[in-house]
């Protein structure tokens, strides 16, 4: 049975935490980090590609509405994930 999360323990929902959450998901699917639910490391290239595609779509749709810090975070995250994806492909 899964434990219920305390809302006070969750990070504030911001654009940056959302981007980092999607990036973390991509890293799990690339096999770069263990799955936090199972503790195992496995690869699923289709799910990794999907998470990267979601971030790319988000970048395209928000390009003119981001702060400079948000824009840099998005560029940096996408670059790193794309490089890892290519390295694993």
Protein backbone atom coordinates (compact mmCIF):
# COMPACT_ATOMS: atom_id res chain seq x y z
CA UNK A 1 0.00 0.00 0.00
CA UNK A 2 1.45 3.39 -0.99
CA UNK A 3 2.01 5.96 1.70
CA UNK A 4 0.05 9.16 1.50
CA UNK A 5 2.26 12.20 0.86
CA UNK A 6 2.05 15.13 3.22
CA UNK A 7 1.23 18.22 1.16
CA UNK A 8 3.61 20.24 3.33
CA UNK A 9 6.51 18.03 2.17
CA UNK A 10 5.94 18.69 -1.52
CA UNK A 11 7.87 21.49 -3.26
CA UNK A 12 6.02 24.60 -4.35
CA UNK A 13 4.61 24.16 -7.84
CA UNK A 14 6.47 26.53 -10.15
CA UNK A 15 7.45 26.41 -13.78
CA UNK A 16 10.94 25.32 -12.74
CA UNK A 17 9.75 22.46 -10.52
CA UNK A 18 7.45 21.29 -13.31
CA UNK A 19 10.31 21.29 -15.85
CA UNK A 20 12.61 19.51 -13.41
CA UNK A 21 9.92 16.92 -12.69
CA UNK A 22 9.60 16.10 -16.40
CA UNK A 23 13.39 16.03 -16.72
CA UNK A 24 13.64 13.63 -13.78
CA UNK A 25 11.11 11.37 -15.46
CA UNK A 26 13.18 11.39 -18.65
CA UNK A 27 16.33 10.50 -16.67
CA UNK A 28 14.55 7.56 -15.04
CA UNK A 29 13.41 6.30 -18.46
CA UNK A 30 16.90 6.74 -19.88
CA UNK A 31 18.22 4.52 -17.09
CA UNK A 32 20.36 7.36 -15.72
CA UNK A 33 18.81 7.22 -12.25
CA UNK A 34 16.82 4.60 -10.34
CA UNK A 35 13.04 4.65 -10.45
CA UNK A 36 12.05 6.31 -7.14
CA UNK A 37 9.11 3.92 -6.67
CA UNK A 38 10.98 0.67 -7.27
CA UNK A 39 14.63 1.56 -6.73
CA UNK A 40 15.51 -0.26 -9.94
CA UNK A 41 17.27 1.09 -13.01
CA UNK A 42 15.72 0.26 -16.36
CA UNK A 43 15.46 1.87 -19.77
CA UNK A 44 12.38 2.70 -21.79
CA UNK A 45 13.45 4.72 -24.81
CA UNK A 46 9.87 5.46 -25.91
CA UNK A 47 8.94 6.97 -22.54
CA UNK A 48 12.22 8.92 -22.41
CA UNK A 49 11.54 10.32 -25.88
CA UNK A 50 7.97 11.20 -24.80
CA UNK A 51 9.20 13.18 -21.78
CA UNK A 52 11.72 15.04 -23.96
CA UNK A 53 9.00 15.73 -26.54
CA UNK A 54 6.75 17.11 -23.78
CA UNK A 55 9.50 19.48 -22.67
CA UNK A 56 10.12 20.51 -26.28
CA UNK A 57 6.43 21.27 -26.80
CA UNK A 58 6.36 23.22 -23.54
CA UNK A 59 9.43 25.18 -24.66
CA UNK A 60 7.79 25.98 -28.01
CA UNK A 61 4.52 27.12 -26.41
CA UNK A 62 6.09 29.24 -23.66
CA UNK A 63 9.11 30.68 -25.47
CA UNK A 64 8.06 34.34 -25.26
CA UNK A 65 6.53 34.18 -21.81
CA UNK A 66 9.42 32.91 -19.70
CA UNK A 67 11.73 34.80 -17.41
CA UNK A 68 15.40 34.72 -18.41
CA UNK A 69 16.09 32.15 -15.65
CA UNK A 70 13.21 29.93 -16.78
CA UNK A 71 14.35 30.18 -20.38
CA UNK A 72 17.91 29.20 -19.44
CA UNK A 73 16.66 26.27 -17.35
CA UNK A 74 14.56 25.02 -20.27
CA UNK A 75 17.43 25.31 -22.76
CA UNK A 76 19.90 23.63 -20.40
CA UNK A 77 17.55 20.78 -19.45
CA UNK A 78 16.61 20.05 -23.05
CA UNK A 79 20.23 20.12 -24.20
CA UNK A 80 21.36 17.69 -21.48
CA UNK A 81 18.45 15.31 -22.04
CA UNK A 82 18.87 15.31 -25.81
CA UNK A 83 22.59 14.56 -25.46
CA UNK A 84 21.90 11.69 -23.04
CA UNK A 85 19.19 10.34 -25.34
CA UNK A 86 21.54 10.34 -28.32
CA UNK A 87 24.31 8.74 -26.26
CA UNK A 88 21.94 5.92 -25.25
CA UNK A 89 20.50 5.41 -28.73
